């Protein structure tokens, strides 16, 4: 495939500026009133819509996805068809995690249905999100250096960045999967009292 290096370089600069300014909402910035499903979907897509690079072919979040997450117990059921902060926080985590790991793995990562625990985990999630997005931008800039160098034009610079990014993504997915597989089994209280 052929690419216009200048166009790609400008897109990379715009992406860097976007990620430098982007912040996921903190817990207290999430809506304080409960929302209907269509409002929640619009809100989550507003926050994370940049994950979708072909809006015609894919959707980040749909009503059927949310219903499936409730059925899979990844998300607590709505209360009178409304969703609160904990639902939105969990959906932001789910939509991020599902970009790289299976739904079974997502269920291992998510906190239980306890608002205090969800709030704590969400705070860690947003802090990690910010730190990792900065790291990815830094790594992308380093890897994309040949694209920004106007004195070099072998025609492979963009392809090399695509291949390198794909390989990095596969290693990141592998690492996450291997770490998730190390989780300890849930403790059950089926022990009999001593006599």
N, C-alpha and C. Protein backbone atom coordinates (compact mmCIF):
# COMPACT_ATOMS: atom_id res chain seq x y z
N UNK A 1 0.83 -1.18 0.00
CA UNK A 1 0.00 0.00 0.00
C UNK A 1 0.88 1.25 0.00
N UNK A 2 0.38 2.25 -0.65
CA UNK A 2 1.09 3.52 -0.71
C UNK A 2 0.49 4.50 0.31
N UNK A 3 1.34 5.30 0.91
CA UNK A 3 0.90 6.30 1.89
C UNK A 3 1.57 7.63 1.59
N UNK A 4 0.88 8.69 1.92
CA UNK A 4 1.43 10.03 1.83
C UNK A 4 2.09 10.33 3.18
N UNK A 5 3.42 10.33 3.21
CA UNK A 5 4.15 10.52 4.47
C UNK A 5 3.76 11.81 5.17
N UNK A 6 3.58 12.88 4.42
CA UNK A 6 3.24 14.16 5.04
C UNK A 6 1.87 14.09 5.71
N UNK A 7 0.92 13.45 5.03
CA UNK A 7 -0.42 13.32 5.60
C UNK A 7 -0.37 12.48 6.88
N UNK A 8 0.37 11.38 6.84
CA UNK A 8 0.50 10.51 8.01
C UNK A 8 1.19 11.26 9.15
N UNK A 9 2.25 12.01 8.83
CA UNK A 9 2.96 12.77 9.86
C UNK A 9 2.02 13.77 10.52
N UNK A 10 1.20 14.45 9.73
CA UNK A 10 0.25 15.43 10.29
C UNK A 10 -0.79 14.73 11.16
N UNK A 11 -1.30 13.59 10.71
CA UNK A 11 -2.27 12.83 11.52
C UNK A 11 -1.63 12.40 12.84
N UNK A 12 -0.39 11.97 12.80
CA UNK A 12 0.31 11.57 14.03
C UNK A 12 0.47 12.75 14.98
N UNK A 13 0.76 13.92 14.44
CA UNK A 13 0.88 15.12 15.28
C UNK A 13 -0.46 15.47 15.91
N UNK A 14 -1.54 15.38 15.12
CA UNK A 14 -2.88 15.66 15.65
C UNK A 14 -3.25 14.66 16.74
N UNK A 15 -2.92 13.39 16.51
CA UNK A 15 -3.21 12.36 17.49
C UNK A 15 -2.45 12.62 18.79
N UNK A 16 -1.20 13.03 18.66
CA UNK A 16 -0.40 13.35 19.85
C UNK A 16 -1.02 14.52 20.62
N UNK A 17 -1.42 15.58 19.91
CA UNK A 17 -2.06 16.73 20.58
C UNK A 17 -3.36 16.30 21.26
N UNK A 18 -4.14 15.47 20.58
CA UNK A 18 -5.39 14.99 21.15
C UNK A 18 -5.13 14.22 22.44
N UNK A 19 -4.20 13.25 22.40
CA UNK A 19 -3.94 12.44 23.58
C UNK A 19 -3.29 13.25 24.70
N UNK A 20 -2.50 14.25 24.35
CA UNK A 20 -1.92 15.11 25.39
C UNK A 20 -3.01 15.86 26.15
N UNK A 21 -4.09 16.21 25.47
CA UNK A 21 -5.16 16.98 26.10
C UNK A 21 -6.27 16.09 26.67
N UNK A 22 -6.34 14.83 26.22
CA UNK A 22 -7.45 13.96 26.58
C UNK A 22 -7.35 13.46 28.02
N UNK A 23 -8.47 13.48 28.70
CA UNK A 23 -8.58 12.92 30.05
C UNK A 23 -9.91 12.19 30.14
N UNK A 24 -9.88 11.00 30.68
CA UNK A 24 -11.15 10.36 31.02
C UNK A 24 -11.74 11.11 32.20
N UNK A 25 -13.04 11.14 32.30
CA UNK A 25 -13.63 11.85 33.45
C UNK A 25 -13.29 11.14 34.76
N UNK A 26 -13.03 11.92 35.78
CA UNK A 26 -12.86 11.36 37.12
C UNK A 26 -14.23 10.96 37.62
N UNK A 27 -14.27 10.18 38.68
CA UNK A 27 -15.54 9.70 39.24
C UNK A 27 -16.51 10.86 39.48
N UNK A 28 -16.03 11.92 40.11
CA UNK A 28 -16.90 13.05 40.44
C UNK A 28 -17.35 13.83 39.21
N UNK A 29 -16.69 13.61 38.07
CA UNK A 29 -17.08 14.26 36.83
C UNK A 29 -18.13 13.47 36.05
N UNK A 30 -18.35 12.22 36.45
CA UNK A 30 -19.38 11.41 35.80
C UNK A 30 -20.74 11.97 36.20
N UNK A 31 -21.75 11.80 35.35
CA UNK A 31 -23.08 12.35 35.69
C UNK A 31 -23.58 11.88 37.06
N UNK A 32 -24.10 12.81 37.81
CA UNK A 32 -24.61 12.49 39.14
C UNK A 32 -26.04 11.99 39.10
N UNK A 33 -26.70 12.17 37.97
CA UNK A 33 -28.07 11.67 37.83
C UNK A 33 -28.03 10.39 36.99
N UNK A 34 -28.99 9.52 37.21
CA UNK A 34 -29.06 8.29 36.44
C UNK A 34 -29.53 8.61 35.02
N UNK A 35 -29.02 7.83 34.08
CA UNK A 35 -29.31 8.07 32.66
C UNK A 35 -29.99 6.86 32.04
N UNK A 36 -30.72 7.10 30.97
CA UNK A 36 -31.29 6.02 30.18
C UNK A 36 -30.20 5.44 29.27
N UNK A 37 -30.44 4.25 28.76
CA UNK A 37 -29.44 3.52 27.99
C UNK A 37 -28.91 4.31 26.80
N UNK A 38 -29.79 4.95 26.04
CA UNK A 38 -29.32 5.70 24.88
C UNK A 38 -28.41 6.86 25.28
N UNK A 39 -28.66 7.47 26.45
CA UNK A 39 -27.80 8.54 26.95
C UNK A 39 -26.44 7.99 27.37
N UNK A 40 -26.45 6.82 28.00
CA UNK A 40 -25.20 6.19 28.43
C UNK A 40 -24.34 5.83 27.23
N UNK A 41 -24.97 5.26 26.22
CA UNK A 41 -24.23 4.87 25.01
C UNK A 41 -23.62 6.11 24.35
N UNK A 42 -24.39 7.17 24.24
CA UNK A 42 -23.87 8.41 23.64
C UNK A 42 -22.69 8.95 24.46
N UNK A 43 -22.80 8.89 25.77
CA UNK A 43 -21.74 9.40 26.65
C UNK A 43 -20.46 8.57 26.52
N UNK A 44 -20.58 7.26 26.59
CA UNK A 44 -19.41 6.38 26.47
C UNK A 44 -18.78 6.54 25.09
N UNK A 45 -19.59 6.63 24.05
CA UNK A 45 -19.03 6.83 22.71
C UNK A 45 -18.36 8.20 22.58
N UNK A 46 -18.87 9.18 23.30
CA UNK A 46 -18.24 10.50 23.30
C UNK A 46 -16.85 10.41 23.95
N UNK A 47 -16.75 9.70 25.06
CA UNK A 47 -15.47 9.58 25.77
C UNK A 47 -14.46 8.72 25.02
N UNK A 48 -14.93 7.60 24.45
CA UNK A 48 -14.00 6.62 23.88
C UNK A 48 -14.17 6.39 22.39
N UNK A 49 -14.90 7.25 21.72
CA UNK A 49 -15.16 7.06 20.30
C UNK A 49 -13.91 6.98 19.45
N UNK A 50 -12.81 7.51 19.93
CA UNK A 50 -11.57 7.47 19.14
C UNK A 50 -11.03 6.05 18.98
N UNK A 51 -11.53 5.10 19.76
CA UNK A 51 -11.13 3.69 19.57
C UNK A 51 -11.64 3.13 18.24
N UNK A 52 -12.68 3.72 17.70
CA UNK A 52 -13.27 3.23 16.46
C UNK A 52 -12.62 3.98 15.30
N UNK A 53 -11.93 3.26 14.45
CA UNK A 53 -11.29 3.94 13.33
C UNK A 53 -12.10 3.79 12.04
N UNK A 54 -13.16 2.98 12.04
CA UNK A 54 -14.06 2.90 10.91
C UNK A 54 -15.50 2.85 11.43
N UNK A 55 -16.11 4.02 11.68
CA UNK A 55 -17.46 4.06 12.28
C UNK A 55 -18.52 3.35 11.44
N UNK A 56 -18.28 3.21 10.14
CA UNK A 56 -19.24 2.52 9.28
C UNK A 56 -19.22 1.02 9.53
N UNK A 57 -18.07 0.48 9.92
CA UNK A 57 -17.92 -0.97 10.06
C UNK A 57 -18.08 -1.47 11.49
N UNK A 58 -17.85 -0.62 12.46
CA UNK A 58 -17.88 -1.09 13.84
C UNK A 58 -18.45 -0.04 14.78
N UNK A 59 -18.96 -0.53 15.88
CA UNK A 59 -19.49 0.33 16.93
C UNK A 59 -18.77 -0.01 18.23
N UNK A 60 -18.49 1.00 19.01
CA UNK A 60 -17.84 0.79 20.29
C UNK A 60 -18.81 0.21 21.30
N UNK A 61 -20.03 0.73 21.32
CA UNK A 61 -21.01 0.29 22.30
C UNK A 61 -22.42 0.43 21.71
N UNK A 62 -23.19 -0.63 21.85
CA UNK A 62 -24.57 -0.64 21.37
C UNK A 62 -25.48 -1.13 22.49
N UNK A 63 -26.79 -0.92 22.36
CA UNK A 63 -27.71 -1.44 23.39
C UNK A 63 -27.59 -2.95 23.60
N UNK A 64 -27.43 -3.69 22.52
CA UNK A 64 -27.32 -5.15 22.68
C UNK A 64 -26.03 -5.53 23.42
N UNK A 65 -24.96 -4.78 23.20
CA UNK A 65 -23.72 -5.05 23.95
C UNK A 65 -23.95 -4.83 25.44
N UNK A 66 -24.60 -3.72 25.78
CA UNK A 66 -24.85 -3.42 27.20
C UNK A 66 -25.71 -4.53 27.81
N UNK A 67 -26.76 -4.95 27.09
CA UNK A 67 -27.61 -6.04 27.58
C UNK A 67 -26.81 -7.32 27.79
N UNK A 68 -25.90 -7.61 26.87
CA UNK A 68 -25.05 -8.79 27.02
C UNK A 68 -24.13 -8.66 28.23
N UNK A 69 -23.60 -7.47 28.47
CA UNK A 69 -22.72 -7.27 29.63
C UNK A 69 -23.49 -7.49 30.93
N UNK A 70 -24.76 -7.10 30.94
CA UNK A 70 -25.60 -7.35 32.12
C UNK A 70 -25.82 -8.85 32.27
N UNK A 71 -26.15 -9.54 31.17
CA UNK A 71 -26.37 -11.00 31.21
C UNK A 71 -25.12 -11.74 31.67
N UNK A 72 -23.94 -11.25 31.23
CA UNK A 72 -22.67 -11.88 31.61
C UNK A 72 -22.22 -11.47 33.02
N UNK A 73 -22.98 -10.61 33.66
CA UNK A 73 -22.69 -10.09 34.99
C UNK A 73 -21.40 -9.26 35.05
N UNK A 74 -21.05 -8.68 33.92
CA UNK A 74 -19.94 -7.73 33.88
C UNK A 74 -20.43 -6.37 34.38
N UNK A 75 -21.73 -6.18 34.27
CA UNK A 75 -22.37 -4.91 34.58
C UNK A 75 -23.62 -5.21 35.40
N UNK A 76 -23.82 -4.50 36.51
CA UNK A 76 -25.05 -4.73 37.28
C UNK A 76 -26.28 -4.30 36.46
N UNK A 77 -27.41 -4.90 36.74
CA UNK A 77 -28.61 -4.50 36.00
C UNK A 77 -28.98 -3.05 36.30
N UNK A 78 -29.63 -2.40 35.34
CA UNK A 78 -30.07 -1.02 35.58
C UNK A 78 -31.16 -1.00 36.64
N UNK A 79 -31.33 0.15 37.25
CA UNK A 79 -32.38 0.34 38.24
C UNK A 79 -33.48 1.17 37.57
N UNK A 80 -34.65 0.55 37.39
CA UNK A 80 -35.77 1.19 36.69
C UNK A 80 -35.34 1.73 35.32
N UNK A 81 -34.59 0.89 34.60
CA UNK A 81 -34.11 1.20 33.25
C UNK A 81 -33.13 2.37 33.21
N UNK A 82 -32.52 2.69 34.35
CA UNK A 82 -31.56 3.79 34.38
C UNK A 82 -30.21 3.28 34.89
N UNK A 83 -29.17 3.98 34.45
CA UNK A 83 -27.79 3.61 34.75
C UNK A 83 -27.11 4.76 35.47
N UNK A 84 -26.34 4.41 36.50
CA UNK A 84 -25.66 5.42 37.30
C UNK A 84 -24.17 5.46 37.04
N UNK A 85 -23.48 6.15 37.93
CA UNK A 85 -22.02 6.32 37.81
C UNK A 85 -21.28 5.00 37.71
N UNK A 86 -21.66 4.04 38.57
CA UNK A 86 -20.93 2.77 38.56
C UNK A 86 -21.08 2.07 37.21
N UNK A 87 -22.26 2.20 36.58
CA UNK A 87 -22.46 1.59 35.26
C UNK A 87 -21.56 2.26 34.22
N UNK A 88 -21.53 3.59 34.26
CA UNK A 88 -20.72 4.33 33.28
C UNK A 88 -19.24 4.01 33.47
N UNK A 89 -18.79 4.01 34.72
CA UNK A 89 -17.38 3.70 35.00
C UNK A 89 -17.04 2.29 34.50
N UNK A 90 -17.90 1.33 34.80
CA UNK A 90 -17.65 -0.05 34.35
C UNK A 90 -17.67 -0.14 32.82
N UNK A 91 -18.58 0.57 32.19
CA UNK A 91 -18.63 0.53 30.72
C UNK A 91 -17.38 1.16 30.10
N UNK A 92 -16.87 2.22 30.70
CA UNK A 92 -15.62 2.80 30.19
C UNK A 92 -14.47 1.81 30.31
N UNK A 93 -14.44 1.07 31.42
CA UNK A 93 -13.40 0.05 31.59
C UNK A 93 -13.60 -1.09 30.61
N UNK A 94 -14.83 -1.59 30.50
CA UNK A 94 -15.12 -2.70 29.58
C UNK A 94 -14.74 -2.33 28.15
N UNK A 95 -15.17 -1.15 27.70
CA UNK A 95 -14.90 -0.75 26.32
C UNK A 95 -13.41 -0.57 26.05
N UNK A 96 -12.66 -0.22 27.07
CA UNK A 96 -11.21 -0.12 26.91
C UNK A 96 -10.57 -1.50 26.91
N UNK A 97 -10.91 -2.32 27.89
CA UNK A 97 -10.30 -3.64 28.02
C UNK A 97 -10.62 -4.53 26.83
N UNK A 98 -11.84 -4.44 26.30
CA UNK A 98 -12.22 -5.35 25.21
C UNK A 98 -11.44 -5.07 23.93
N UNK A 99 -10.72 -3.96 23.88
CA UNK A 99 -9.88 -3.67 22.72
C UNK A 99 -8.70 -4.64 22.63
N UNK A 100 -8.35 -5.26 23.77
CA UNK A 100 -7.14 -6.08 23.76
C UNK A 100 -7.27 -7.45 24.39
N UNK A 101 -8.29 -7.69 25.20
CA UNK A 101 -8.43 -9.01 25.83
C UNK A 101 -9.84 -9.54 25.65
N UNK A 102 -9.99 -10.84 25.87
CA UNK A 102 -11.30 -11.48 25.71
C UNK A 102 -12.27 -11.02 26.79
N UNK A 103 -13.54 -11.26 26.56
CA UNK A 103 -14.55 -10.89 27.55
C UNK A 103 -14.38 -11.71 28.83
N UNK A 104 -13.91 -12.95 28.69
CA UNK A 104 -13.63 -13.75 29.89
C UNK A 104 -12.53 -13.08 30.72
N UNK A 105 -11.52 -12.57 30.04
CA UNK A 105 -10.45 -11.86 30.75
C UNK A 105 -10.96 -10.56 31.35
N UNK A 106 -11.83 -9.86 30.62
CA UNK A 106 -12.41 -8.62 31.14
C UNK A 106 -13.12 -8.90 32.46
N UNK A 107 -13.85 -10.01 32.53
CA UNK A 107 -14.58 -10.32 33.77
C UNK A 107 -13.64 -10.54 34.94
N UNK A 108 -12.41 -10.97 34.67
CA UNK A 108 -11.43 -11.15 35.75
C UNK A 108 -10.86 -9.82 36.23
N UNK A 109 -10.85 -8.83 35.35
CA UNK A 109 -10.24 -7.53 35.66
C UNK A 109 -11.20 -6.61 36.42
N UNK A 110 -12.48 -6.71 36.11
CA UNK A 110 -13.46 -5.77 36.66
C UNK A 110 -13.72 -6.00 38.14
N UNK A 111 -13.97 -4.92 38.87
CA UNK A 111 -14.33 -5.05 40.29
C UNK A 111 -15.74 -5.60 40.45
N UNK A 112 -16.00 -6.14 41.61
CA UNK A 112 -17.33 -6.65 41.93
C UNK A 112 -18.33 -5.50 42.02
N UNK A 113 -19.61 -5.83 42.09
CA UNK A 113 -20.66 -4.83 42.13
C UNK A 113 -20.77 -4.20 43.53
N UNK A 114 -19.80 -3.36 43.83
CA UNK A 114 -19.76 -2.63 45.08
C UNK A 114 -19.30 -1.22 44.71
N UNK A 115 -20.14 -0.22 44.93
CA UNK A 115 -19.85 1.13 44.43
C UNK A 115 -18.53 1.68 44.95
N UNK A 116 -18.21 1.41 46.22
CA UNK A 116 -16.95 1.90 46.76
C UNK A 116 -15.77 1.25 46.04
N UNK A 117 -15.85 -0.05 45.84
CA UNK A 117 -14.79 -0.77 45.13
C UNK A 117 -14.69 -0.31 43.68
N UNK A 118 -15.81 -0.14 43.03
CA UNK A 118 -15.81 0.34 41.64
C UNK A 118 -15.18 1.72 41.56
N UNK A 119 -15.53 2.58 42.52
CA UNK A 119 -14.95 3.94 42.52
C UNK A 119 -13.43 3.89 42.68
N UNK A 120 -12.93 3.05 43.58
CA UNK A 120 -11.48 2.91 43.79
C UNK A 120 -10.79 2.36 42.55
N UNK A 121 -11.37 1.31 41.98
CA UNK A 121 -10.78 0.71 40.78
C UNK A 121 -10.83 1.68 39.60
N UNK A 122 -11.90 2.44 39.50
CA UNK A 122 -12.02 3.41 38.41
C UNK A 122 -10.95 4.49 38.55
N UNK A 123 -10.66 4.92 39.77
CA UNK A 123 -9.60 5.92 39.99
C UNK A 123 -8.25 5.37 39.54
N UNK A 124 -7.97 4.11 39.86
CA UNK A 124 -6.72 3.49 39.40
C UNK A 124 -6.71 3.37 37.88
N UNK A 125 -7.86 3.01 37.32
CA UNK A 125 -8.00 2.86 35.88
C UNK A 125 -7.70 4.18 35.16
N UNK A 126 -8.30 5.28 35.61
CA UNK A 126 -8.08 6.57 34.94
C UNK A 126 -6.63 7.03 35.08
N UNK A 127 -6.01 6.76 36.23
CA UNK A 127 -4.60 7.13 36.40
C UNK A 127 -3.72 6.31 35.46
N UNK A 128 -3.99 5.02 35.35
CA UNK A 128 -3.24 4.16 34.43
C UNK A 128 -3.47 4.59 32.99
N UNK A 129 -4.70 4.93 32.67
CA UNK A 129 -5.05 5.36 31.32
C UNK A 129 -4.21 6.56 30.90
N UNK A 130 -4.11 7.53 31.79
CA UNK A 130 -3.34 8.73 31.49
C UNK A 130 -1.85 8.40 31.34
N UNK A 131 -1.32 7.63 32.27
CA UNK A 131 0.10 7.26 32.23
C UNK A 131 0.44 6.46 30.97
N UNK A 132 -0.39 5.47 30.65
CA UNK A 132 -0.11 4.61 29.50
C UNK A 132 -0.31 5.36 28.19
N UNK A 133 -1.30 6.24 28.12
CA UNK A 133 -1.48 7.00 26.88
C UNK A 133 -0.27 7.88 26.60
N UNK A 134 0.30 8.46 27.65
CA UNK A 134 1.52 9.27 27.47
C UNK A 134 2.69 8.39 27.00
N UNK A 135 2.79 7.20 27.57
CA UNK A 135 3.85 6.27 27.18
C UNK A 135 3.68 5.85 25.70
N UNK A 136 2.47 5.55 25.30
CA UNK A 136 2.22 5.12 23.92
C UNK A 136 2.56 6.24 22.95
N UNK A 137 2.19 7.46 23.28
CA UNK A 137 2.53 8.59 22.42
C UNK A 137 4.04 8.72 22.29
N UNK A 138 4.75 8.59 23.40
CA UNK A 138 6.21 8.68 23.38
C UNK A 138 6.81 7.58 22.51
N UNK A 139 6.33 6.36 22.66
CA UNK A 139 6.84 5.24 21.87
C UNK A 139 6.48 5.40 20.39
N UNK A 140 5.27 5.88 20.12
CA UNK A 140 4.85 6.07 18.73
C UNK A 140 5.72 7.14 18.05
N UNK A 141 6.02 8.22 18.79
CA UNK A 141 6.89 9.26 18.22
C UNK A 141 8.26 8.70 17.88
N UNK A 142 8.80 7.90 18.77
CA UNK A 142 10.12 7.32 18.53
C UNK A 142 10.07 6.37 17.33
N UNK A 143 9.04 5.55 17.26
CA UNK A 143 8.92 4.59 16.15
C UNK A 143 8.63 5.29 14.83
N UNK A 144 7.96 6.43 14.89
CA UNK A 144 7.56 7.15 13.68
C UNK A 144 8.61 8.15 13.20
N UNK A 145 9.75 8.16 13.85
CA UNK A 145 10.78 9.14 13.48
C UNK A 145 11.08 9.17 11.98
N UNK A 146 11.19 8.02 11.30
CA UNK A 146 11.45 8.07 9.84
C UNK A 146 10.32 8.76 9.06
N UNK A 147 9.11 8.74 9.58
CA UNK A 147 8.00 9.40 8.89
C UNK A 147 8.15 10.92 8.96
N UNK A 148 8.67 11.40 10.08
CA UNK A 148 8.85 12.84 10.26
C UNK A 148 10.11 13.37 9.55
N UNK A 149 11.02 12.48 9.19
CA UNK A 149 12.26 12.87 8.52
C UNK A 149 12.00 13.03 7.02
N UNK A 150 11.97 14.27 6.56
CA UNK A 150 11.66 14.55 5.15
C UNK A 150 12.81 14.19 4.22
N UNK A 151 13.99 13.92 4.76
CA UNK A 151 15.13 13.57 3.91
C UNK A 151 15.13 12.08 3.57
N UNK A 152 14.29 11.30 4.23
CA UNK A 152 14.22 9.86 3.98
C UNK A 152 12.86 9.54 3.39
N UNK A 153 12.87 8.81 2.27
CA UNK A 153 11.60 8.39 1.67
C UNK A 153 11.82 7.09 0.91
N UNK A 154 11.84 6.01 1.65
CA UNK A 154 12.02 4.69 1.03
C UNK A 154 10.67 4.11 0.59
N UNK A 155 9.59 4.71 1.06
CA UNK A 155 8.26 4.20 0.75
C UNK A 155 7.79 3.14 1.74
N UNK A 156 8.65 2.79 2.70
CA UNK A 156 8.29 1.75 3.67
C UNK A 156 8.08 2.29 5.08
N UNK A 157 8.28 3.58 5.27
CA UNK A 157 8.24 4.14 6.62
C UNK A 157 6.89 3.92 7.31
N UNK A 158 5.80 4.20 6.62
CA UNK A 158 4.48 4.04 7.23
C UNK A 158 4.17 2.56 7.43
N UNK A 159 4.46 1.74 6.45
CA UNK A 159 4.26 0.29 6.59
C UNK A 159 5.05 -0.28 7.76
N UNK A 160 6.28 0.20 7.93
CA UNK A 160 7.09 -0.27 9.06
C UNK A 160 6.45 0.11 10.39
N UNK A 161 5.86 1.31 10.47
CA UNK A 161 5.18 1.73 11.70
C UNK A 161 3.94 0.88 11.95
N UNK A 162 3.20 0.55 10.89
CA UNK A 162 2.02 -0.30 11.03
C UNK A 162 2.43 -1.68 11.54
N UNK A 163 3.45 -2.26 10.95
CA UNK A 163 3.92 -3.58 11.37
C UNK A 163 4.41 -3.53 12.82
N UNK A 164 5.21 -2.53 13.14
CA UNK A 164 5.72 -2.41 14.51
C UNK A 164 4.61 -2.21 15.52
N UNK A 165 3.62 -1.39 15.18
CA UNK A 165 2.48 -1.17 16.09
C UNK A 165 1.67 -2.44 16.28
N UNK A 166 1.49 -3.19 15.21
CA UNK A 166 0.76 -4.46 15.31
C UNK A 166 1.50 -5.47 16.18
N UNK A 167 2.80 -5.53 16.02
CA UNK A 167 3.60 -6.45 16.85
C UNK A 167 3.55 -6.01 18.31
N UNK A 168 3.70 -4.71 18.57
CA UNK A 168 3.64 -4.21 19.95
C UNK A 168 2.28 -4.52 20.57
N UNK A 169 1.19 -4.35 19.80
CA UNK A 169 -0.14 -4.65 20.31
C UNK A 169 -0.28 -6.13 20.64
N UNK A 170 0.28 -6.99 19.81
CA UNK A 170 0.16 -8.43 20.08
C UNK A 170 0.94 -8.81 21.34
N UNK A 171 2.10 -8.21 21.54
CA UNK A 171 2.86 -8.49 22.77
C UNK A 171 2.14 -7.93 24.00
N UNK A 172 1.54 -6.76 23.88
CA UNK A 172 0.79 -6.19 25.01
C UNK A 172 -0.40 -7.07 25.35
N UNK A 173 -1.10 -7.57 24.34
CA UNK A 173 -2.24 -8.48 24.56
C UNK A 173 -1.76 -9.77 25.22
N UNK A 174 -0.64 -10.30 24.74
CA UNK A 174 -0.08 -11.52 25.31
C UNK A 174 0.28 -11.32 26.78
N UNK A 175 0.94 -10.21 27.09
CA UNK A 175 1.32 -9.93 28.47
C UNK A 175 0.08 -9.84 29.36
N UNK A 176 -0.93 -9.10 28.92
CA UNK A 176 -2.16 -8.97 29.71
C UNK A 176 -2.80 -10.34 29.93
N UNK A 177 -2.89 -11.13 28.88
CA UNK A 177 -3.49 -12.46 29.00
C UNK A 177 -2.73 -13.37 29.94
N UNK A 178 -1.41 -13.36 29.83
CA UNK A 178 -0.58 -14.21 30.71
C UNK A 178 -0.74 -13.78 32.17
N UNK A 179 -0.77 -12.48 32.42
CA UNK A 179 -0.92 -12.00 33.79
C UNK A 179 -2.31 -12.33 34.35
N UNK A 180 -3.33 -12.17 33.53
CA UNK A 180 -4.69 -12.49 33.98
C UNK A 180 -4.79 -13.98 34.31
N UNK A 181 -4.12 -14.82 33.54
CA UNK A 181 -4.16 -16.27 33.77
C UNK A 181 -3.53 -16.66 35.10
N UNK A 182 -2.74 -15.78 35.69
CA UNK A 182 -2.09 -16.08 36.96
C UNK A 182 -2.96 -15.78 38.17
N UNK A 183 -4.19 -15.30 37.95
CA UNK A 183 -5.03 -14.92 39.09
C UNK A 183 -5.31 -16.13 39.98
N UNK A 184 -5.41 -15.84 41.24
CA UNK A 184 -5.70 -16.89 42.22
C UNK A 184 -7.19 -17.18 42.22
N UNK A 185 -7.56 -18.44 42.45
CA UNK A 185 -8.99 -18.76 42.49
C UNK A 185 -9.66 -18.05 43.66
N UNK A 186 -10.94 -17.76 43.46
CA UNK A 186 -11.72 -17.13 44.52
C UNK A 186 -11.78 -18.06 45.72
N UNK A 187 -11.64 -17.47 46.90
CA UNK A 187 -11.75 -18.27 48.12
C UNK A 187 -13.22 -18.52 48.41
N UNK A 188 -13.52 -19.75 48.74
CA UNK A 188 -14.90 -20.08 49.11
C UNK A 188 -14.92 -20.47 50.57
N UNK A 189 -16.02 -20.19 51.20
CA UNK A 189 -16.14 -20.51 52.63
C UNK A 189 -16.92 -21.80 52.80
N UNK A 190 -16.34 -22.87 52.26
CA UNK A 190 -17.02 -24.17 52.36
C UNK A 190 -16.30 -25.08 53.35
N UNK A 191 -15.44 -24.49 54.16
CA UNK A 191 -14.73 -25.30 55.16
C UNK A 191 -15.67 -25.63 56.30
N UNK A 192 -15.49 -26.80 56.82
CA UNK A 192 -16.32 -27.24 57.95
C UNK A 192 -15.67 -26.79 59.25
N UNK A 193 -16.47 -26.44 60.23
CA UNK A 193 -15.90 -26.02 61.51
C UNK A 193 -15.17 -27.20 62.16
N UNK A 194 -14.10 -26.85 62.84
CA UNK A 194 -13.32 -27.90 63.51
C UNK A 194 -14.05 -28.38 64.74
N UNK A 195 -13.85 -29.66 65.03
CA UNK A 195 -14.53 -30.25 66.20
C UNK A 195 -13.55 -30.53 67.30
